C-alpha atoms as a PDB file:
ATOM      1  CA  UNK A   1     -37.425   0.811 -18.703  1.00  0.00           C
ATOM      2  CA  UNK A   2     -38.893   1.133 -15.141  1.00  0.00           C
ATOM      3  CA  UNK A   3     -37.028  -0.647 -12.095  1.00  0.00           C
ATOM      4  CA  UNK A   4     -38.825  -1.153  -8.849  1.00  0.00           C
ATOM      5  CA  UNK A   5     -36.836  -1.837  -5.624  1.00  0.00           C
ATOM      6  CA  UNK A   6     -38.108  -2.576  -2.140  1.00  0.00           C
ATOM      7  CA  UNK A   7     -36.280  -2.624   1.150  1.00  0.00           C
ATOM      8  CA  UNK A   8     -36.848  -6.162   2.137  1.00  0.00           C
ATOM      9  CA  UNK A   9     -38.712  -7.823  -0.854  1.00  0.00           C
ATOM     10  CA  UNK A  10     -37.403  -8.887  -4.182  1.00  0.00           C
ATOM     11  CA  UNK A  11     -39.896 -10.273  -6.507  1.00  0.00           C
ATOM     12  CA  UNK A  12     -39.320 -11.877  -9.981  1.00  0.00           C
ATOM     13  CA  UNK A  13     -42.074 -12.930 -12.373  1.00  0.00           C
ATOM     14  CA  UNK A  14     -41.219 -15.601 -14.826  1.00  0.00           C
ATOM     15  CA  UNK A  15     -43.523 -16.275 -17.582  1.00  0.00           C
ATOM     16  CA  UNK A  16     -43.184 -19.135 -20.118  1.00  0.00           C
ATOM     17  CA  UNK A  17     -45.367 -19.493 -23.194  1.00  0.00           C
ATOM     18  CA  UNK A  18     -48.192 -21.817 -23.212  1.00  0.00           C
ATOM     19  CA  UNK A  19     -47.086 -23.432 -26.400  1.00  0.00           C
ATOM     20  CA  UNK A  20     -43.725 -24.288 -25.222  1.00  0.00           C
ATOM     21  CA  UNK A  21     -45.053 -25.902 -21.888  1.00  0.00           C
ATOM     22  CA  UNK A  22     -47.249 -27.994 -23.911  1.00  0.00           C
ATOM     23  CA  UNK A  23     -44.517 -29.232 -26.064  1.00  0.00           C
ATOM     24  CA  UNK A  24     -42.556 -30.563 -23.063  1.00  0.00           C
ATOM     25  CA  UNK A  25     -42.913 -33.966 -21.832  1.00  0.00           C
ATOM     26  CA  UNK A  26     -42.807 -35.054 -18.015  1.00  0.00           C
ATOM     27  CA  UNK A  27     -41.278 -38.301 -17.094  1.00  0.00           C
ATOM     28  CA  UNK A  28     -42.688 -40.419 -14.149  1.00  0.00           C
ATOM     29  CA  UNK A  29     -46.300 -38.705 -14.522  1.00  0.00           C
ATOM     30  CA  UNK A  30     -45.313 -35.581 -12.310  1.00  0.00           C
ATOM     31  CA  UNK A  31     -47.582 -32.804 -12.795  1.00  0.00           C
ATOM     32  CA  UNK A  32     -46.458 -29.484 -14.325  1.00  0.00           C
ATOM     33  CA  UNK A  33     -46.636 -27.514 -11.282  1.00  0.00           C
ATOM     34  CA  UNK A  34     -44.171 -29.702  -9.396  1.00  0.00           C
ATOM     35  CA  UNK A  35     -41.766 -29.422 -12.339  1.00  0.00           C
ATOM     36  CA  UNK A  36     -41.916 -25.722 -12.395  1.00  0.00           C
ATOM     37  CA  UNK A  37     -43.933 -25.389 -15.717  1.00  0.00           C
ATOM     38  CA  UNK A  38     -46.237 -22.317 -16.536  1.00  0.00           C
ATOM     39  CA  UNK A  39     -46.176 -18.891 -15.317  1.00  0.00           C
ATOM     40  CA  UNK A  40     -44.644 -18.406 -11.758  1.00  0.00           C
ATOM     41  CA  UNK A  41     -43.727 -15.617  -9.463  1.00  0.00           C
ATOM     42  CA  UNK A  42     -40.686 -16.121  -6.931  1.00  0.00           C
ATOM     43  CA  UNK A  43     -40.634 -13.862  -3.943  1.00  0.00           C
ATOM     44  CA  UNK A  44     -38.286 -13.502  -1.119  1.00  0.00           C
ATOM     45  CA  UNK A  45     -39.695 -11.592   1.992  1.00  0.00           C
ATOM     46  CA  UNK A  46     -38.600 -10.800   5.486  1.00  0.00           C
ATOM     47  CA  UNK A  47     -40.634 -10.422   8.572  1.00  0.00           C
ATOM     48  CA  UNK A  48     -39.599  -8.672  11.648  1.00  0.00           C
ATOM     49  CA  UNK A  49     -41.074  -8.286  15.413  1.00  0.00           C
ATOM     50  CA  UNK A  50     -39.712  -5.921  17.812  1.00  0.00           C
ATOM     51  CA  UNK A  51     -39.887  -7.139  21.516  1.00  0.00           C
ATOM     52  CA  UNK A  52     -39.130  -5.780  24.866  1.00  0.00           C
ATOM     53  CA  UNK A  53     -36.519  -8.035  26.571  1.00  0.00           C
ATOM     54  CA  UNK A  54     -37.675  -9.930  29.691  1.00  0.00           C
ATOM     55  CA  UNK A  55     -34.625 -11.537  30.923  1.00  0.00           C
ATOM     56  CA  UNK A  56     -30.949 -10.393  31.364  1.00  0.00           C
ATOM     57  CA  UNK A  57     -27.615 -12.102  31.873  1.00  0.00           C
ATOM     58  CA  UNK A  58     -24.866 -10.362  33.686  1.00  0.00           C
ATOM     59  CA  UNK A  59     -21.372 -11.597  33.699  1.00  0.00           C
ATOM     60  CA  UNK A  60     -19.123 -10.214  36.486  1.00  0.00           C
ATOM     61  CA  UNK A  61     -16.178 -11.501  38.553  1.00  0.00           C
ATOM     62  CA  UNK A  62     -13.158 -10.809  40.705  1.00  0.00           C
ATOM     63  CA  UNK A  63      -9.465 -10.528  39.654  1.00  0.00           C
ATOM     64  CA  UNK A  64      -6.916 -10.942  42.279  1.00  0.00           C
ATOM     65  CA  UNK A  65      -3.030 -10.822  42.263  1.00  0.00           C
ATOM     66  CA  UNK A  66      -0.477 -12.160  44.814  1.00  0.00           C
ATOM     67  CA  UNK A  67       3.028 -13.407  44.880  1.00  0.00           C
ATOM     68  CA  UNK A  68       2.019 -17.032  44.841  1.00  0.00           C
ATOM     69  CA  UNK A  69      -0.767 -18.838  43.123  1.00  0.00           C
ATOM     70  CA  UNK A  70      -2.096 -20.043  46.434  1.00  0.00           C
ATOM     71  CA  UNK A  71      -2.293 -16.601  48.088  1.00  0.00           C
ATOM     72  CA  UNK A  72      -4.161 -15.210  44.749  1.00  0.00           C
ATOM     73  CA  UNK A  73      -6.603 -18.128  44.792  1.00  0.00           C
ATOM     74  CA  UNK A  74      -7.571 -17.561  48.520  1.00  0.00           C
ATOM     75  CA  UNK A  75      -7.832 -13.978  48.283  1.00  0.00           C
ATOM     76  CA  UNK A  76     -10.079 -14.410  45.081  1.00  0.00           C
ATOM     77  CA  UNK A  77     -12.098 -17.071  47.046  1.00  0.00           C
ATOM     78  CA  UNK A  78     -12.801 -14.674  49.938  1.00  0.00           C
ATOM     79  CA  UNK A  79     -13.828 -11.699  47.704  1.00  0.00           C
ATOM     80  CA  UNK A  80     -16.004 -13.912  45.157  1.00  0.00           C
ATOM     81  CA  UNK A  81     -17.751 -15.194  48.441  1.00  0.00           C
ATOM     82  CA  UNK A  82     -18.787 -11.866  49.485  1.00  0.00           C
ATOM     83  CA  UNK A  83     -19.792 -10.923  45.866  1.00  0.00           C
ATOM     84  CA  UNK A  84     -22.085 -13.864  45.691  1.00  0.00           C
ATOM     85  CA  UNK A  85     -23.830 -13.095  49.004  1.00  0.00           C
ATOM     86  CA  UNK A  86     -24.425  -9.604  47.994  1.00  0.00           C
ATOM     87  CA  UNK A  87     -26.128 -10.843  44.844  1.00  0.00           C
ATOM     88  CA  UNK A  88     -28.154 -13.474  46.545  1.00  0.00           C
ATOM     89  CA  UNK A  89     -29.123 -10.739  49.005  1.00  0.00           C
ATOM     90  CA  UNK A  90     -31.035  -9.088  46.196  1.00  0.00           C
ATOM     91  CA  UNK A  91     -33.149 -12.255  46.047  1.00  0.00           C
ATOM     92  CA  UNK A  92     -31.258 -13.961  43.187  1.00  0.00           C
ATOM     93  CA  UNK A  93     -31.401 -17.643  43.669  1.00  0.00           C
ATOM     94  CA  UNK A  94     -28.324 -20.073  43.659  1.00  0.00           C
ATOM     95  CA  UNK A  95     -29.716 -21.682  40.577  1.00  0.00           C
ATOM     96  CA  UNK A  96     -29.382 -18.365  38.735  1.00  0.00           C
ATOM     97  CA  UNK A  97     -25.621 -17.940  39.309  1.00  0.00           C
ATOM     98  CA  UNK A  98     -23.302 -20.000  37.448  1.00  0.00           C
ATOM     99  CA  UNK A  99     -19.474 -20.070  37.182  1.00  0.00           C
ATOM    100  CA  UNK A 100     -18.517 -19.618  33.650  1.00  0.00           C
ATOM    101  CA  UNK A 101     -14.691 -18.935  33.917  1.00  0.00           C
ATOM    102  CA  UNK A 102     -11.860 -19.541  36.537  1.00  0.00           C
ATOM    103  CA  UNK A 103      -8.228 -19.182  35.678  1.00  0.00           C
ATOM    104  CA  UNK A 104      -4.846 -18.987  37.404  1.00  0.00           C
ATOM    105  CA  UNK A 105      -2.168 -17.580  35.416  1.00  0.00           C
ATOM    106  CA  UNK A 106       1.454 -16.129  36.099  1.00  0.00           C
ATOM    107  CA  UNK A 107       2.097 -12.495  35.956  1.00  0.00           C
ATOM    108  CA  UNK A 108       5.174 -11.945  33.789  1.00  0.00           C
ATOM    109  CA  UNK A 109       7.561  -9.058  33.124  1.00  0.00           C
ATOM    110  CA  UNK A 110      10.898  -8.777  31.384  1.00  0.00           C
ATOM    111  CA  UNK A 111      13.714  -8.206  33.624  1.00  0.00           C
ATOM    112  CA  UNK A 112      16.546  -6.079  32.014  1.00  0.00           C
ATOM    113  CA  UNK A 113      19.130  -7.023  34.461  1.00  0.00           C
ATOM    114  CA  UNK A 114      18.697 -10.697  33.859  1.00  0.00           C
ATOM    115  CA  UNK A 115      17.830 -10.220  30.146  1.00  0.00           C
ATOM    116  CA  UNK A 116      14.768 -12.643  30.442  1.00  0.00           C
ATOM    117  CA  UNK A 117      11.255 -12.962  31.319  1.00  0.00           C
ATOM    118  CA  UNK A 118      10.564 -13.580  35.118  1.00  0.00           C
ATOM    119  CA  UNK A 119       7.361 -14.569  36.890  1.00  0.00           C
ATOM    120  CA  UNK A 120       6.306 -11.640  39.161  1.00  0.00           C
ATOM    121  CA  UNK A 121       3.248 -13.173  40.946  1.00  0.00           C
ATOM    122  CA  UNK A 122       0.178 -14.746  39.898  1.00  0.00           C
ATOM    123  CA  UNK A 123      -3.377 -13.764  38.794  1.00  0.00           C
ATOM    124  CA  UNK A 124      -6.756 -15.345  39.495  1.00  0.00           C
ATOM    125  CA  UNK A 125      -9.947 -14.837  37.600  1.00  0.00           C
ATOM    126  CA  UNK A 126     -13.265 -16.061  38.754  1.00  0.00           C
ATOM    127  CA  UNK A 127     -16.249 -15.082  36.491  1.00  0.00           C
ATOM    128  CA  UNK A 128     -19.801 -15.957  37.173  1.00  0.00           C
ATOM    129  CA  UNK A 129     -22.886 -15.433  35.017  1.00  0.00           C
ATOM    130  CA  UNK A 130     -26.071 -14.037  36.748  1.00  0.00           C
ATOM    131  CA  UNK A 131     -29.385 -14.611  34.915  1.00  0.00           C
ATOM    132  CA  UNK A 132     -32.587 -12.797  36.067  1.00  0.00           C
ATOM    133  CA  UNK A 133     -36.143 -12.122  34.786  1.00  0.00           C
ATOM    134  CA  UNK A 134     -36.252  -8.798  36.678  1.00  0.00           C
ATOM    135  CA  UNK A 135     -34.590  -6.811  33.964  1.00  0.00           C
ATOM    136  CA  UNK A 136     -35.119  -3.570  35.813  1.00  0.00           C
ATOM    137  CA  UNK A 137     -32.683  -4.893  38.589  1.00  0.00           C
ATOM    138  CA  UNK A 138     -29.583  -5.368  36.529  1.00  0.00           C
ATOM    139  CA  UNK A 139     -27.932  -2.174  37.741  1.00  0.00           C
ATOM    140  CA  UNK A 140     -28.592  -3.083  41.301  1.00  0.00           C
ATOM    141  CA  UNK A 141     -26.777  -6.455  40.751  1.00  0.00           C
ATOM    142  CA  UNK A 142     -23.813  -4.754  39.197  1.00  0.00           C
ATOM    143  CA  UNK A 143     -23.719  -2.210  42.103  1.00  0.00           C
ATOM    144  CA  UNK A 144     -24.127  -4.968  44.879  1.00  0.00           C
ATOM    145  CA  UNK A 145     -21.307  -7.039  43.066  1.00  0.00           C
ATOM    146  CA  UNK A 146     -18.881  -4.005  42.816  1.00  0.00           C
ATOM    147  CA  UNK A 147     -19.760  -2.949  46.449  1.00  0.00           C
ATOM    148  CA  UNK A 148     -18.758  -6.354  47.604  1.00  0.00           C
ATOM    149  CA  UNK A 149     -15.444  -6.643  45.897  1.00  0.00           C
ATOM    150  CA  UNK A 150     -15.865  -7.457  42.296  1.00  0.00           C
ATOM    151  CA  UNK A 151     -13.613  -5.644  39.991  1.00  0.00           C
ATOM    152  CA  UNK A 152     -14.733  -6.853  36.625  1.00  0.00           C
ATOM    153  CA  UNK A 153     -18.070  -6.695  34.643  1.00  0.00           C
ATOM    154  CA  UNK A 154     -17.669  -8.589  31.539  1.00  0.00           C
ATOM    155  CA  UNK A 155     -20.941  -7.452  30.295  1.00  0.00           C
ATOM    156  CA  UNK A 156     -24.782  -7.407  30.244  1.00  0.00           C
ATOM    157  CA  UNK A 157     -26.871  -9.282  27.519  1.00  0.00           C
ATOM    158  CA  UNK A 158     -30.585  -8.886  27.150  1.00  0.00           C
ATOM    159  CA  UNK A 159     -32.781 -11.736  26.270  1.00  0.00           C
ATOM    160  CA  UNK A 160     -36.298 -13.199  25.707  1.00  0.00           C
ATOM    161  CA  UNK A 161     -37.632 -15.912  27.863  1.00  0.00           C
ATOM    162  CA  UNK A 162     -39.691 -17.342  25.015  1.00  0.00           C
ATOM    163  CA  UNK A 163     -38.197 -16.382  21.603  1.00  0.00           C
ATOM    164  CA  UNK A 164     -40.343 -18.980  19.919  1.00  0.00           C
ATOM    165  CA  UNK A 165     -43.230 -16.589  20.100  1.00  0.00           C
ATOM    166  CA  UNK A 166     -41.496 -13.820  18.457  1.00  0.00           C
ATOM    167  CA  UNK A 167     -39.941 -16.120  15.747  1.00  0.00           C
ATOM    168  CA  UNK A 168     -43.417 -17.527  14.868  1.00  0.00           C
ATOM    169  CA  UNK A 169     -44.705 -14.151  14.582  1.00  0.00           C
ATOM    170  CA  UNK A 170     -41.800 -13.052  12.525  1.00  0.00           C
ATOM    171  CA  UNK A 171     -42.180 -15.993  10.067  1.00  0.00           C
ATOM    172  CA  UNK A 172     -45.927 -15.522   9.779  1.00  0.00           C
ATOM    173  CA  UNK A 173     -45.372 -11.818   8.666  1.00  0.00           C
ATOM    174  CA  UNK A 174     -42.690 -12.894   6.098  1.00  0.00           C
ATOM    175  CA  UNK A 175     -44.944 -15.351   4.477  1.00  0.00           C
ATOM    176  CA  UNK A 176     -47.957 -12.738   4.406  1.00  0.00           C
ATOM    177  CA  UNK A 177     -45.504 -10.156   2.929  1.00  0.00           C
ATOM    178  CA  UNK A 178     -44.382 -12.796   0.145  1.00  0.00           C
ATOM    179  CA  UNK A 179     -48.014 -13.478  -0.680  1.00  0.00           C
ATOM    180  CA  UNK A 180     -48.838  -9.745  -1.003  1.00  0.00           C
ATOM    181  CA  UNK A 181     -45.846  -9.011  -3.227  1.00  0.00           C
ATOM    182  CA  UNK A 182     -46.724 -12.105  -5.314  1.00  0.00           C
ATOM    183  CA  UNK A 183     -50.203 -10.925  -5.810  1.00  0.00           C
ATOM    184  CA  UNK A 184     -49.056  -7.484  -6.897  1.00  0.00           C
ATOM    185  CA  UNK A 185     -46.469  -8.940  -9.266  1.00  0.00           C
ATOM    186  CA  UNK A 186     -48.985 -11.298 -10.923  1.00  0.00           C
ATOM    187  CA  UNK A 187     -51.724  -8.685 -11.253  1.00  0.00           C
ATOM    188  CA  UNK A 188     -49.054  -6.329 -12.925  1.00  0.00           C
ATOM    189  CA  UNK A 189     -48.435  -9.153 -15.407  1.00  0.00           C
ATOM    190  CA  UNK A 190     -52.043  -9.538 -16.210  1.00  0.00           C
ATOM    191  CA  UNK A 191     -52.600 -12.726 -14.262  1.00  0.00           C
ATOM    192  CA  UNK A 192     -53.397 -13.881 -10.590  1.00  0.00           C
ATOM    193  CA  UNK A 193     -51.618 -16.141  -7.919  1.00  0.00           C
ATOM    194  CA  UNK A 194     -53.473 -19.488  -7.823  1.00  0.00           C
ATOM    195  CA  UNK A 195     -51.471 -21.453  -5.534  1.00  0.00           C
ATOM    196  CA  UNK A 196     -48.100 -22.135  -3.697  1.00  0.00           C
ATOM    197  CA  UNK A 197     -45.608 -24.289  -5.390  1.00  0.00           C
ATOM    198  CA  UNK A 198     -42.366 -23.936  -2.969  1.00  0.00           C
ATOM    199  CA  UNK A 199     -41.683 -22.237   0.378  1.00  0.00           C
ATOM    200  CA  UNK A 200     -38.275 -22.212   2.112  1.00  0.00           C
ATOM    201  CA  UNK A 201     -37.831 -20.785   5.543  1.00  0.00           C
ATOM    202  CA  UNK A 202     -34.633 -19.276   6.736  1.00  0.00           C
ATOM    203  CA  UNK A 203     -35.296 -18.154  10.387  1.00  0.00           C
ATOM    204  CA  UNK A 204     -32.894 -15.662  11.967  1.00  0.00           C
ATOM    205  CA  UNK A 205     -33.205 -16.834  15.534  1.00  0.00           C
ATOM    206  CA  UNK A 206     -30.788 -14.459  17.194  1.00  0.00           C
ATOM    207  CA  UNK A 207     -32.401 -11.257  18.120  1.00  0.00           C
ATOM    208  CA  UNK A 208     -30.811  -8.211  16.689  1.00  0.00           C
ATOM    209  CA  UNK A 209     -30.125  -5.483  19.167  1.00  0.00           C
ATOM    210  CA  UNK A 210     -28.994  -8.144  21.751  1.00  0.00           C
ATOM    211  CA  UNK A 211     -25.884  -6.492  22.962  1.00  0.00           C
ATOM    212  CA  UNK A 212     -23.042  -6.746  25.509  1.00  0.00           C
ATOM    213  CA  UNK A 213     -22.263  -3.779  27.527  1.00  0.00           C
ATOM    214  CA  UNK A 214     -18.666  -4.035  28.482  1.00  0.00           C
ATOM    215  CA  UNK A 215     -17.632  -2.557  31.779  1.00  0.00           C
ATOM    216  CA  UNK A 216     -14.141  -3.817  32.938  1.00  0.00           C
ATOM    217  CA  UNK A 217     -12.545  -2.915  36.350  1.00  0.00           C
ATOM    218  CA  UNK A 218     -15.231  -0.207  37.067  1.00  0.00           C
ATOM    219  CA  UNK A 219     -16.727   1.129  40.226  1.00  0.00           C
ATOM    220  CA  UNK A 220     -20.113   3.088  40.428  1.00  0.00           C
ATOM    221  CA  UNK A 221     -20.033   6.717  41.395  1.00  0.00           C
ATOM    222  CA  UNK A 222     -20.683   7.447  44.970  1.00  0.00           C
ATOM    223  CA  UNK A 223     -24.588   7.227  45.633  1.00  0.00           C
ATOM    224  CA  UNK A 224     -25.427   6.757  41.971  1.00  0.00           C
ATOM    225  CA  UNK A 225     -26.888   3.464  40.830  1.00  0.00           C
ATOM    226  CA  UNK A 226     -25.566   2.093  37.522  1.00  0.00           C
ATOM    227  CA  UNK A 227     -27.987   2.980  34.776  1.00  0.00           C
ATOM    228  CA  UNK A 228     -28.820   0.079  32.428  1.00  0.00           C
ATOM    229  CA  UNK A 229     -31.383   0.406  29.605  1.00  0.00           C
ATOM    230  CA  UNK A 230     -32.737  -2.895  28.194  1.00  0.00           C
ATOM    231  CA  UNK A 231     -33.945  -1.292  24.827  1.00  0.00           C
ATOM    232  CA  UNK A 232     -35.818  -3.543  22.353  1.00  0.00           C
ATOM    233  CA  UNK A 233     -34.863  -6.585  20.326  1.00  0.00           C
ATOM    234  CA  UNK A 234     -35.802  -7.439  16.825  1.00  0.00           C
ATOM    235  CA  UNK A 235     -36.345 -10.996  15.764  1.00  0.00           C
ATOM    236  CA  UNK A 236     -36.600 -11.659  11.973  1.00  0.00           C
ATOM    237  CA  UNK A 237     -37.287 -14.476   9.730  1.00  0.00           C
ATOM    238  CA  UNK A 238     -36.746 -14.760   5.830  1.00  0.00           C
ATOM    239  CA  UNK A 239     -38.692 -16.897   3.450  1.00  0.00           C
ATOM    240  CA  UNK A 240     -38.238 -17.734  -0.225  1.00  0.00           C
ATOM    241  CA  UNK A 241     -41.358 -18.653  -2.016  1.00  0.00           C
ATOM    242  CA  UNK A 242     -42.489 -19.728  -5.550  1.00  0.00           C
ATOM    243  CA  UNK A 243     -46.229 -19.198  -6.686  1.00  0.00           C
ATOM    244  CA  UNK A 244     -48.169 -20.524  -9.576  1.00  0.00           C
ATOM    245  CA  UNK A 245     -49.775 -17.761 -11.813  1.00  0.00           C
ATOM    246  CA  UNK A 246     -52.694 -18.183 -13.954  1.00  0.00           C
ATOM    247  CA  UNK A 247     -53.033 -16.106 -16.974  1.00  0.00           C
ATOM    248  CA  UNK A 248     -56.248 -15.275 -18.820  1.00  0.00           C
END
């Protein structure tokens, strides 16, 4: 017995005897192909497209602590204003900067003398998201923010401006690969593919390799820019197909 395994394609050939097909009746006048009659080959295939990211999203912000919530908020506002000014100084528009998180929370500690938890001040966090199509300037954005007072970089995410193009290409490749495998399987069984019976599409729209680089409470080395490498993204789609097979 010989078993054939492929990395991304699984094909199964199902043949039914012509005599048994002819003995079956179909209610409602449906044709045999729509009812799954006759020889068939079913193939599942995956298509992949590798793209270079052309958009980046950086999340960074300011954390401040003070004895009162008001003092912490005021100090945070001053530092965040300086951070935003530094980022805009690189040519980043105001519409590309969005506040994605703001919180005020007590800083608590356990007091052994009082035998209880006490509030030892307040912490304010203000996180913004910066989007840019100039992927090569991500490191400069981080450095500008840190230099102006930011003390938290949540992460960097690399994206595609138009992911639909890559998704379409991946889907096309998946269907073509499924047809090739169906042809091979049918030929090996002594027949040929004569038509498509069923096609199911399962797109995997989120690109693989799309990552977040965590950099919390960091500062760049003196005179050294923060290195950021965008790498590549892989967009994939999977199809499940069923093909009609004609036998001699």
